[in-house]
mmCIF file of all heavy atoms, coordinates in Angstrom:
data_MODEL
# 
_entry.id   MODEL 
# 
loop_
_atom_site.group_PDB 
_atom_site.id 
_atom_site.type_symbol 
_atom_site.label_atom_id 
_atom_site.label_alt_id 
_atom_site.label_comp_id 
_atom_site.label_asym_id 
_atom_site.label_entity_id 
_atom_site.label_seq_id 
_atom_site.pdbx_PDB_ins_code 
_atom_site.Cartn_x 
_atom_site.Cartn_y 
_atom_site.Cartn_z 
_atom_site.occupancy 
_atom_site.B_iso_or_equiv 
_atom_site.pdbx_formal_charge 
_atom_site.auth_seq_id 
_atom_site.auth_comp_id 
_atom_site.auth_asym_id 
_atom_site.auth_atom_id 
_atom_site.pdbx_PDB_model_num 
ATOM 1   N N   . SER A 1 1  ? 160.554 26.366 -112.956 1.00 0.00 ? 1  SER A N   1 
ATOM 2   C CA  . SER A 1 1  ? 159.316 25.911 -113.564 1.00 0.00 ? 1  SER A CA  1 
ATOM 3   C C   . SER A 1 1  ? 158.312 25.495 -112.496 1.00 0.00 ? 1  SER A C   1 
ATOM 4   O O   . SER A 1 1  ? 158.639 25.356 -111.319 1.00 0.00 ? 1  SER A O   1 
ATOM 5   C CB  . SER A 1 1  ? 159.591 24.746 -114.520 1.00 0.00 ? 1  SER A CB  1 
ATOM 6   O OG  . SER A 1 1  ? 160.178 23.655 -113.826 1.00 0.00 ? 1  SER A OG  1 
ATOM 7   N N   . SER A 1 2  ? 157.082 25.293 -112.922 1.00 0.00 ? 2  SER A N   1 
ATOM 8   C CA  . SER A 1 2  ? 156.008 25.037 -111.964 1.00 0.00 ? 2  SER A CA  1 
ATOM 9   C C   . SER A 1 2  ? 156.242 23.799 -111.101 1.00 0.00 ? 2  SER A C   1 
ATOM 10  O O   . SER A 1 2  ? 155.906 23.795 -109.913 1.00 0.00 ? 2  SER A O   1 
ATOM 11  C CB  . SER A 1 2  ? 154.674 24.929 -112.699 1.00 0.00 ? 2  SER A CB  1 
ATOM 12  O OG  . SER A 1 2  ? 154.697 23.883 -113.656 1.00 0.00 ? 2  SER A OG  1 
ATOM 13  N N   . ALA A 1 3  ? 156.823 22.771 -111.689 1.00 0.00 ? 3  ALA A N   1 
ATOM 14  C CA  . ALA A 1 3  ? 157.096 21.541 -110.946 1.00 0.00 ? 3  ALA A CA  1 
ATOM 15  C C   . ALA A 1 3  ? 158.476 21.537 -110.304 1.00 0.00 ? 3  ALA A C   1 
ATOM 16  O O   . ALA A 1 3  ? 158.815 20.583 -109.594 1.00 0.00 ? 3  ALA A O   1 
ATOM 17  C CB  . ALA A 1 3  ? 156.956 20.332 -111.859 1.00 0.00 ? 3  ALA A CB  1 
ATOM 18  N N   . GLY A 1 4  ? 159.260 22.563 -110.560 1.00 0.00 ? 4  GLY A N   1 
ATOM 19  C CA  . GLY A 1 4  ? 160.596 22.639 -110.006 1.00 0.00 ? 4  GLY A CA  1 
ATOM 20  C C   . GLY A 1 4  ? 161.633 21.836 -110.765 1.00 0.00 ? 4  GLY A C   1 
ATOM 21  O O   . GLY A 1 4  ? 162.752 21.658 -110.274 1.00 0.00 ? 4  GLY A O   1 
ATOM 22  N N   . SER A 1 5  ? 161.284 21.367 -111.947 1.00 0.00 ? 5  SER A N   1 
ATOM 23  C CA  . SER A 1 5  ? 162.175 20.508 -112.705 1.00 0.00 ? 5  SER A CA  1 
ATOM 24  C C   . SER A 1 5  ? 163.194 21.263 -113.553 1.00 0.00 ? 5  SER A C   1 
ATOM 25  O O   . SER A 1 5  ? 164.164 20.672 -114.025 1.00 0.00 ? 5  SER A O   1 
ATOM 26  C CB  . SER A 1 5  ? 161.366 19.576 -113.601 1.00 0.00 ? 5  SER A CB  1 
ATOM 27  O OG  . SER A 1 5  ? 160.496 20.313 -114.442 1.00 0.00 ? 5  SER A OG  1 
ATOM 28  N N   . SER A 1 6  ? 162.979 22.545 -113.745 1.00 0.00 ? 6  SER A N   1 
ATOM 29  C CA  . SER A 1 6  ? 163.867 23.343 -114.574 1.00 0.00 ? 6  SER A CA  1 
ATOM 30  C C   . SER A 1 6  ? 164.163 24.662 -113.886 1.00 0.00 ? 6  SER A C   1 
ATOM 31  O O   . SER A 1 6  ? 163.258 25.298 -113.339 1.00 0.00 ? 6  SER A O   1 
ATOM 32  C CB  . SER A 1 6  ? 163.229 23.593 -115.937 1.00 0.00 ? 6  SER A CB  1 
ATOM 33  O OG  . SER A 1 6  ? 164.060 24.382 -116.760 1.00 0.00 ? 6  SER A OG  1 
ATOM 34  N N   . THR A 1 7  ? 165.424 25.078 -113.925 1.00 0.00 ? 7  THR A N   1 
ATOM 35  C CA  . THR A 1 7  ? 165.827 26.352 -113.340 1.00 0.00 ? 7  THR A CA  1 
ATOM 36  C C   . THR A 1 7  ? 166.726 27.109 -114.303 1.00 0.00 ? 7  THR A C   1 
ATOM 37  O O   . THR A 1 7  ? 167.408 26.518 -115.141 1.00 0.00 ? 7  THR A O   1 
ATOM 38  C CB  . THR A 1 7  ? 166.566 26.171 -112.007 1.00 0.00 ? 7  THR A CB  1 
ATOM 39  O OG1 . THR A 1 7  ? 167.729 25.358 -112.212 1.00 0.00 ? 7  THR A OG1 1 
ATOM 40  C CG2 . THR A 1 7  ? 165.664 25.510 -110.971 1.00 0.00 ? 7  THR A CG2 1 
ATOM 41  N N   . ASN A 1 8  ? 166.724 28.425 -114.170 1.00 0.00 ? 8  ASN A N   1 
ATOM 42  C CA  . ASN A 1 8  ? 167.595 29.287 -114.949 1.00 0.00 ? 8  ASN A CA  1 
ATOM 43  C C   . ASN A 1 8  ? 168.100 30.406 -114.056 1.00 0.00 ? 8  ASN A C   1 
ATOM 44  O O   . ASN A 1 8  ? 167.392 30.862 -113.157 1.00 0.00 ? 8  ASN A O   1 
ATOM 45  C CB  . ASN A 1 8  ? 166.863 29.880 -116.147 1.00 0.00 ? 8  ASN A CB  1 
ATOM 46  C CG  . ASN A 1 8  ? 166.513 28.858 -117.195 1.00 0.00 ? 8  ASN A CG  1 
ATOM 47  O OD1 . ASN A 1 8  ? 165.370 28.450 -117.315 1.00 0.00 ? 8  ASN A OD1 1 
ATOM 48  N ND2 . ASN A 1 8  ? 167.512 28.435 -117.959 1.00 0.00 ? 8  ASN A ND2 1 
ATOM 49  N N   . TYR A 1 9  ? 169.323 30.865 -114.330 1.00 0.00 ? 9  TYR A N   1 
ATOM 50  C CA  . TYR A 1 9  ? 169.951 31.892 -113.523 1.00 0.00 ? 9  TYR A CA  1 
ATOM 51  C C   . TYR A 1 9  ? 170.624 32.934 -114.393 1.00 0.00 ? 9  TYR A C   1 
ATOM 52  O O   . TYR A 1 9  ? 171.128 32.627 -115.478 1.00 0.00 ? 9  TYR A O   1 
ATOM 53  C CB  . TYR A 1 9  ? 171.019 31.295 -112.607 1.00 0.00 ? 9  TYR A CB  1 
ATOM 54  C CG  . TYR A 1 9  ? 170.488 30.264 -111.648 1.00 0.00 ? 9  TYR A CG  1 
ATOM 55  C CD1 . TYR A 1 9  ? 170.488 28.914 -111.976 1.00 0.00 ? 9  TYR A CD1 1 
ATOM 56  C CD2 . TYR A 1 9  ? 169.986 30.643 -110.410 1.00 0.00 ? 9  TYR A CD2 1 
ATOM 57  C CE1 . TYR A 1 9  ? 169.991 27.968 -111.093 1.00 0.00 ? 9  TYR A CE1 1 
ATOM 58  C CE2 . TYR A 1 9  ? 169.487 29.705 -109.524 1.00 0.00 ? 9  TYR A CE2 1 
ATOM 59  C CZ  . TYR A 1 9  ? 169.491 28.363 -109.872 1.00 0.00 ? 9  TYR A CZ  1 
ATOM 60  O OH  . TYR A 1 9  ? 169.000 27.429 -108.998 1.00 0.00 ? 9  TYR A OH  1 
ATOM 61  N N   . ALA A 1 10 ? 170.628 34.155 -113.903 1.00 0.00 ? 10 ALA A N   1 
ATOM 62  C CA  . ALA A 1 10 ? 171.444 35.173 -114.530 1.00 0.00 ? 10 ALA A CA  1 
ATOM 63  C C   . ALA A 1 10 ? 172.912 34.797 -114.390 1.00 0.00 ? 10 ALA A C   1 
ATOM 64  O O   . ALA A 1 10 ? 173.325 34.195 -113.394 1.00 0.00 ? 10 ALA A O   1 
ATOM 65  C CB  . ALA A 1 10 ? 171.191 36.530 -113.880 1.00 0.00 ? 10 ALA A CB  1 
ATOM 66  N N   . ASP A 1 11 ? 173.708 35.153 -115.386 1.00 0.00 ? 11 ASP A N   1 
ATOM 67  C CA  . ASP A 1 11 ? 175.135 34.838 -115.336 1.00 0.00 ? 11 ASP A CA  1 
ATOM 68  C C   . ASP A 1 11 ? 175.807 35.400 -114.085 1.00 0.00 ? 11 ASP A C   1 
ATOM 69  O O   . ASP A 1 11 ? 176.732 34.789 -113.540 1.00 0.00 ? 11 ASP A O   1 
ATOM 70  C CB  . ASP A 1 11 ? 175.842 35.370 -116.576 1.00 0.00 ? 11 ASP A CB  1 
ATOM 71  C CG  . ASP A 1 11 ? 175.521 34.576 -117.822 1.00 0.00 ? 11 ASP A CG  1 
ATOM 72  O OD1 . ASP A 1 11 ? 175.028 33.436 -117.711 1.00 0.00 ? 11 ASP A OD1 1 
ATOM 73  O OD2 . ASP A 1 11 ? 175.772 35.105 -118.922 1.00 0.00 ? 11 ASP A OD2 1 
ATOM 74  N N   . SER A 1 12 ? 175.336 36.540 -113.628 1.00 0.00 ? 12 SER A N   1 
ATOM 75  C CA  . SER A 1 12 ? 175.957 37.205 -112.498 1.00 0.00 ? 12 SER A CA  1 
ATOM 76  C C   . SER A 1 12 ? 175.790 36.451 -111.178 1.00 0.00 ? 12 SER A C   1 
ATOM 77  O O   . SER A 1 12 ? 176.541 36.701 -110.233 1.00 0.00 ? 12 SER A O   1 
ATOM 78  C CB  . SER A 1 12 ? 175.403 38.625 -112.351 1.00 0.00 ? 12 SER A CB  1 
ATOM 79  O OG  . SER A 1 12 ? 173.998 38.596 -112.167 1.00 0.00 ? 12 SER A OG  1 
ATOM 80  N N   . VAL A 1 13 ? 174.827 35.547 -111.112 1.00 0.00 ? 13 VAL A N   1 
ATOM 81  C CA  . VAL A 1 13 ? 174.584 34.822 -109.865 1.00 0.00 ? 13 VAL A CA  1 
ATOM 82  C C   . VAL A 1 13 ? 174.783 33.321 -110.006 1.00 0.00 ? 13 VAL A C   1 
ATOM 83  O O   . VAL A 1 13 ? 174.722 32.594 -109.001 1.00 0.00 ? 13 VAL A O   1 
ATOM 84  C CB  . VAL A 1 13 ? 173.173 35.095 -109.306 1.00 0.00 ? 13 VAL A CB  1 
ATOM 85  C CG1 . VAL A 1 13 ? 172.925 36.592 -109.196 1.00 0.00 ? 13 VAL A CG1 1 
ATOM 86  C CG2 . VAL A 1 13 ? 172.098 34.426 -110.157 1.00 0.00 ? 13 VAL A CG2 1 
ATOM 87  N N   . LYS A 1 14 ? 175.028 32.862 -111.200 1.00 0.00 ? 14 LYS A N   1 
ATOM 88  C CA  . LYS A 1 14 ? 175.181 31.433 -111.452 1.00 0.00 ? 14 LYS A CA  1 
ATOM 89  C C   . LYS A 1 14 ? 176.300 30.848 -110.604 1.00 0.00 ? 14 LYS A C   1 
ATOM 90  O O   . LYS A 1 14 ? 177.400 31.391 -110.541 1.00 0.00 ? 14 LYS A O   1 
ATOM 91  C CB  . LYS A 1 14 ? 175.447 31.199 -112.938 1.00 0.00 ? 14 LYS A CB  1 
ATOM 92  C CG  . LYS A 1 14 ? 175.213 29.777 -113.402 1.00 0.00 ? 14 LYS A CG  1 
ATOM 93  C CD  . LYS A 1 14 ? 175.235 29.697 -114.938 1.00 0.00 ? 14 LYS A CD  1 
ATOM 94  C CE  . LYS A 1 14 ? 174.108 30.519 -115.566 1.00 0.00 ? 14 LYS A CE  1 
ATOM 95  N NZ  . LYS A 1 14 ? 174.112 30.427 -117.047 1.00 0.00 ? 14 LYS A NZ  1 
ATOM 96  N N   . GLY A 1 15 ? 176.011 29.747 -109.954 1.00 0.00 ? 15 GLY A N   1 
ATOM 97  C CA  . GLY A 1 15 ? 176.976 29.112 -109.075 1.00 0.00 ? 15 GLY A CA  1 
ATOM 98  C C   . GLY A 1 15 ? 176.938 29.606 -107.654 1.00 0.00 ? 15 GLY A C   1 
ATOM 99  O O   . GLY A 1 15 ? 177.524 28.976 -106.766 1.00 0.00 ? 15 GLY A O   1 
ATOM 100 N N   . ARG A 1 16 ? 176.275 30.731 -107.423 1.00 0.00 ? 16 ARG A N   1 
ATOM 101 C CA  . ARG A 1 16 ? 176.176 31.300 -106.080 1.00 0.00 ? 16 ARG A CA  1 
ATOM 102 C C   . ARG A 1 16 ? 174.765 31.238 -105.511 1.00 0.00 ? 16 ARG A C   1 
ATOM 103 O O   . ARG A 1 16 ? 174.586 31.079 -104.305 1.00 0.00 ? 16 ARG A O   1 
ATOM 104 C CB  . ARG A 1 16 ? 176.648 32.757 -106.078 1.00 0.00 ? 16 ARG A CB  1 
ATOM 105 C CG  . ARG A 1 16 ? 178.093 32.934 -106.528 1.00 0.00 ? 16 ARG A CG  1 
ATOM 106 C CD  . ARG A 1 16 ? 178.561 34.373 -106.320 1.00 0.00 ? 16 ARG A CD  1 
ATOM 107 N NE  . ARG A 1 16 ? 177.785 35.325 -107.125 1.00 0.00 ? 16 ARG A NE  1 
ATOM 108 C CZ  . ARG A 1 16 ? 177.069 36.326 -106.620 1.00 0.00 ? 16 ARG A CZ  1 
ATOM 109 N NH1 . ARG A 1 16 ? 177.035 36.538 -105.308 1.00 0.00 ? 16 ARG A NH1 1 
ATOM 110 N NH2 . ARG A 1 16 ? 176.403 37.146 -107.425 1.00 0.00 ? 16 ARG A NH2 1 
ATOM 111 N N   . PHE A 1 17 ? 173.773 31.391 -106.378 1.00 0.00 ? 17 PHE A N   1 
ATOM 112 C CA  . PHE A 1 17 ? 172.379 31.404 -105.959 1.00 0.00 ? 17 PHE A CA  1 
ATOM 113 C C   . PHE A 1 17 ? 171.689 30.122 -106.395 1.00 0.00 ? 17 PHE A C   1 
ATOM 114 O O   . PHE A 1 17 ? 172.005 29.552 -107.449 1.00 0.00 ? 17 PHE A O   1 
ATOM 115 C CB  . PHE A 1 17 ? 171.627 32.579 -106.583 1.00 0.00 ? 17 PHE A CB  1 
ATOM 116 C CG  . PHE A 1 17 ? 172.006 33.946 -106.070 1.00 0.00 ? 17 PHE A CG  1 
ATOM 117 C CD1 . PHE A 1 17 ? 173.124 34.155 -105.277 1.00 0.00 ? 17 PHE A CD1 1 
ATOM 118 C CD2 . PHE A 1 17 ? 171.210 35.035 -106.394 1.00 0.00 ? 17 PHE A CD2 1 
ATOM 119 C CE1 . PHE A 1 17 ? 173.466 35.414 -104.819 1.00 0.00 ? 17 PHE A CE1 1 
ATOM 120 C CE2 . PHE A 1 17 ? 171.532 36.307 -105.943 1.00 0.00 ? 17 PHE A CE2 1 
ATOM 121 C CZ  . PHE A 1 17 ? 172.657 36.503 -105.153 1.00 0.00 ? 17 PHE A CZ  1 
ATOM 122 N N   . THR A 1 18 ? 170.725 29.700 -105.608 1.00 0.00 ? 18 THR A N   1 
ATOM 123 C CA  . THR A 1 18 ? 169.923 28.532 -105.942 1.00 0.00 ? 18 THR A CA  1 
ATOM 124 C C   . THR A 1 18 ? 168.455 28.834 -105.694 1.00 0.00 ? 18 THR A C   1 
ATOM 125 O O   . THR A 1 18 ? 168.076 29.221 -104.586 1.00 0.00 ? 18 THR A O   1 
ATOM 126 C CB  . THR A 1 18 ? 170.325 27.303 -105.110 1.00 0.00 ? 18 THR A CB  1 
ATOM 127 O OG1 . THR A 1 18 ? 171.714 27.021 -105.297 1.00 0.00 ? 18 THR A OG1 1 
ATOM 128 C CG2 . THR A 1 18 ? 169.511 26.087 -105.527 1.00 0.00 ? 18 THR A CG2 1 
ATOM 129 N N   . ILE A 1 19 ? 167.649 28.667 -106.723 1.00 0.00 ? 19 ILE A N   1 
ATOM 130 C CA  . ILE A 1 19 ? 166.214 28.822 -106.573 1.00 0.00 ? 19 ILE A CA  1 
ATOM 131 C C   . ILE A 1 19 ? 165.585 27.449 -106.356 1.00 0.00 ? 19 ILE A C   1 
ATOM 132 O O   . ILE A 1 19 ? 166.011 26.458 -106.952 1.00 0.00 ? 19 ILE A O   1 
ATOM 133 C CB  . ILE A 1 19 ? 165.587 29.535 -107.797 1.00 0.00 ? 19 ILE A CB  1 
ATOM 134 C CG1 . ILE A 1 19 ? 164.114 29.874 -107.552 1.00 0.00 ? 19 ILE A CG1 1 
ATOM 135 C CG2 . ILE A 1 19 ? 165.763 28.706 -109.067 1.00 0.00 ? 19 ILE A CG2 1 
ATOM 136 C CD1 . ILE A 1 19 ? 163.500 30.768 -108.633 1.00 0.00 ? 19 ILE A CD1 1 
ATOM 137 N N   . SER A 1 20 ? 164.612 27.398 -105.487 1.00 0.00 ? 20 SER A N   1 
ATOM 138 C CA  . SER A 1 20 ? 163.903 26.148 -105.235 1.00 0.00 ? 20 SER A CA  1 
ATOM 139 C C   . SER A 1 20 ? 162.473 26.474 -104.844 1.00 0.00 ? 20 SER A C   1 
ATOM 140 O O   . SER A 1 20 ? 162.137 27.627 -104.562 1.00 0.00 ? 20 SER A O   1 
ATOM 141 C CB  . SER A 1 20 ? 164.598 25.328 -104.139 1.00 0.00 ? 20 SER A CB  1 
ATOM 142 O OG  . SER A 1 20 ? 164.610 26.035 -102.910 1.00 0.00 ? 20 SER A OG  1 
ATOM 143 N N   . ARG A 1 21 ? 161.637 25.465 -104.836 1.00 0.00 ? 21 ARG A N   1 
ATOM 144 C CA  . ARG A 1 21 ? 160.258 25.685 -104.428 1.00 0.00 ? 21 ARG A CA  1 
ATOM 145 C C   . ARG A 1 21 ? 159.727 24.478 -103.688 1.00 0.00 ? 21 ARG A C   1 
ATOM 146 O O   . ARG A 1 21 ? 160.177 23.347 -103.895 1.00 0.00 ? 21 ARG A O   1 
ATOM 147 C CB  . ARG A 1 21 ? 159.371 26.015 -105.640 1.00 0.00 ? 21 ARG A CB  1 
ATOM 148 C CG  . ARG A 1 21 ? 159.184 24.872 -106.625 1.00 0.00 ? 21 ARG A CG  1 
ATOM 149 C CD  . ARG A 1 21 ? 158.525 25.365 -107.915 1.00 0.00 ? 21 ARG A CD  1 
ATOM 150 N NE  . ARG A 1 21 ? 157.168 25.832 -107.678 1.00 0.00 ? 21 ARG A NE  1 
ATOM 151 C CZ  . ARG A 1 21 ? 156.498 26.653 -108.499 1.00 0.00 ? 21 ARG A CZ  1 
ATOM 152 N NH1 . ARG A 1 21 ? 157.083 27.113 -109.604 1.00 0.00 ? 21 ARG A NH1 1 
ATOM 153 N NH2 . ARG A 1 21 ? 155.254 27.016 -108.200 1.00 0.00 ? 21 ARG A NH2 1 
ATOM 154 N N   . ASP A 1 22 ? 158.779 24.734 -102.838 1.00 0.00 ? 22 ASP A N   1 
ATOM 155 C CA  . ASP A 1 22 ? 158.085 23.687 -102.110 1.00 0.00 ? 22 ASP A CA  1 
ATOM 156 C C   . ASP A 1 22 ? 156.603 23.908 -102.375 1.00 0.00 ? 22 ASP A C   1 
ATOM 157 O O   . ASP A 1 22 ? 155.967 24.759 -101.756 1.00 0.00 ? 22 ASP A O   1 
ATOM 158 C CB  . ASP A 1 22 ? 158.398 23.753 -100.618 1.00 0.00 ? 22 ASP A CB  1 
ATOM 159 C CG  . ASP A 1 22 ? 157.825 22.589 -99.841  1.00 0.00 ? 22 ASP A CG  1 
ATOM 160 O OD1 . ASP A 1 22 ? 156.862 21.951 -100.320 1.00 0.00 ? 22 ASP A OD1 1 
ATOM 161 O OD2 . ASP A 1 22 ? 158.335 22.307 -98.743  1.00 0.00 ? 22 ASP A OD2 1 
ATOM 162 N N   . ASN A 1 23 ? 156.074 23.160 -103.318 1.00 0.00 ? 23 ASN A N   1 
ATOM 163 C CA  . ASN A 1 23 ? 154.683 23.375 -103.708 1.00 0.00 ? 23 ASN A CA  1 
ATOM 164 C C   . ASN A 1 23 ? 153.701 23.022 -102.590 1.00 0.00 ? 23 ASN A C   1 
ATOM 165 O O   . ASN A 1 23 ? 152.598 23.567 -102.540 1.00 0.00 ? 23 ASN A O   1 
ATOM 166 C CB  . ASN A 1 23 ? 154.363 22.592 -104.978 1.00 0.00 ? 23 ASN A CB  1 
ATOM 167 C CG  . ASN A 1 23 ? 154.933 23.246 -106.221 1.00 0.00 ? 23 ASN A CG  1 
ATOM 168 O OD1 . ASN A 1 23 ? 155.416 24.380 -106.170 1.00 0.00 ? 23 ASN A OD1 1 
ATOM 169 N ND2 . ASN A 1 23 ? 154.891 22.543 -107.344 1.00 0.00 ? 23 ASN A ND2 1 
ATOM 170 N N   . ALA A 1 24 ? 154.092 22.120 -101.711 1.00 0.00 ? 24 ALA A N   1 
ATOM 171 C CA  . ALA A 1 24 ? 153.238 21.784 -100.577 1.00 0.00 ? 24 ALA A CA  1 
ATOM 172 C C   . ALA A 1 24 ? 153.114 22.947 -99.606  1.00 0.00 ? 24 ALA A C   1 
ATOM 173 O O   . ALA A 1 24 ? 152.125 23.051 -98.879  1.00 0.00 ? 24 ALA A O   1 
ATOM 174 C CB  . ALA A 1 24 ? 153.765 20.548 -99.857  1.00 0.00 ? 24 ALA A CB  1 
ATOM 175 N N   . LYS A 1 25 ? 154.119 23.809 -99.575  1.00 0.00 ? 25 LYS A N   1 
ATOM 176 C CA  . LYS A 1 25 ? 154.116 24.979 -98.701  1.00 0.00 ? 25 LYS A CA  1 
ATOM 177 C C   . LYS A 1 25 ? 153.805 26.271 -99.437  1.00 0.00 ? 25 LYS A C   1 
ATOM 178 O O   . LYS A 1 25 ? 153.808 27.341 -98.825  1.00 0.00 ? 25 LYS A O   1 
ATOM 179 C CB  . LYS A 1 25 ? 155.461 25.115 -97.994  1.00 0.00 ? 25 LYS A CB  1 
ATOM 180 C CG  . LYS A 1 25 ? 155.778 23.987 -97.046  1.00 0.00 ? 25 LYS A CG  1 
ATOM 181 C CD  . LYS A 1 25 ? 157.106 24.212 -96.350  1.00 0.00 ? 25 LYS A CD  1 
ATOM 182 C CE  . LYS A 1 25 ? 157.394 23.105 -95.354  1.00 0.00 ? 25 LYS A CE  1 
ATOM 183 N NZ  . LYS A 1 25 ? 158.693 23.307 -94.667  1.00 0.00 ? 25 LYS A NZ  1 
# 
């Protein structure tokens, strides 16, 4: 989500991949 408060993953990558964001950058 825009503020980084919510994430969702495909089942195939869940537990292995992590999405994150740095809005300042």
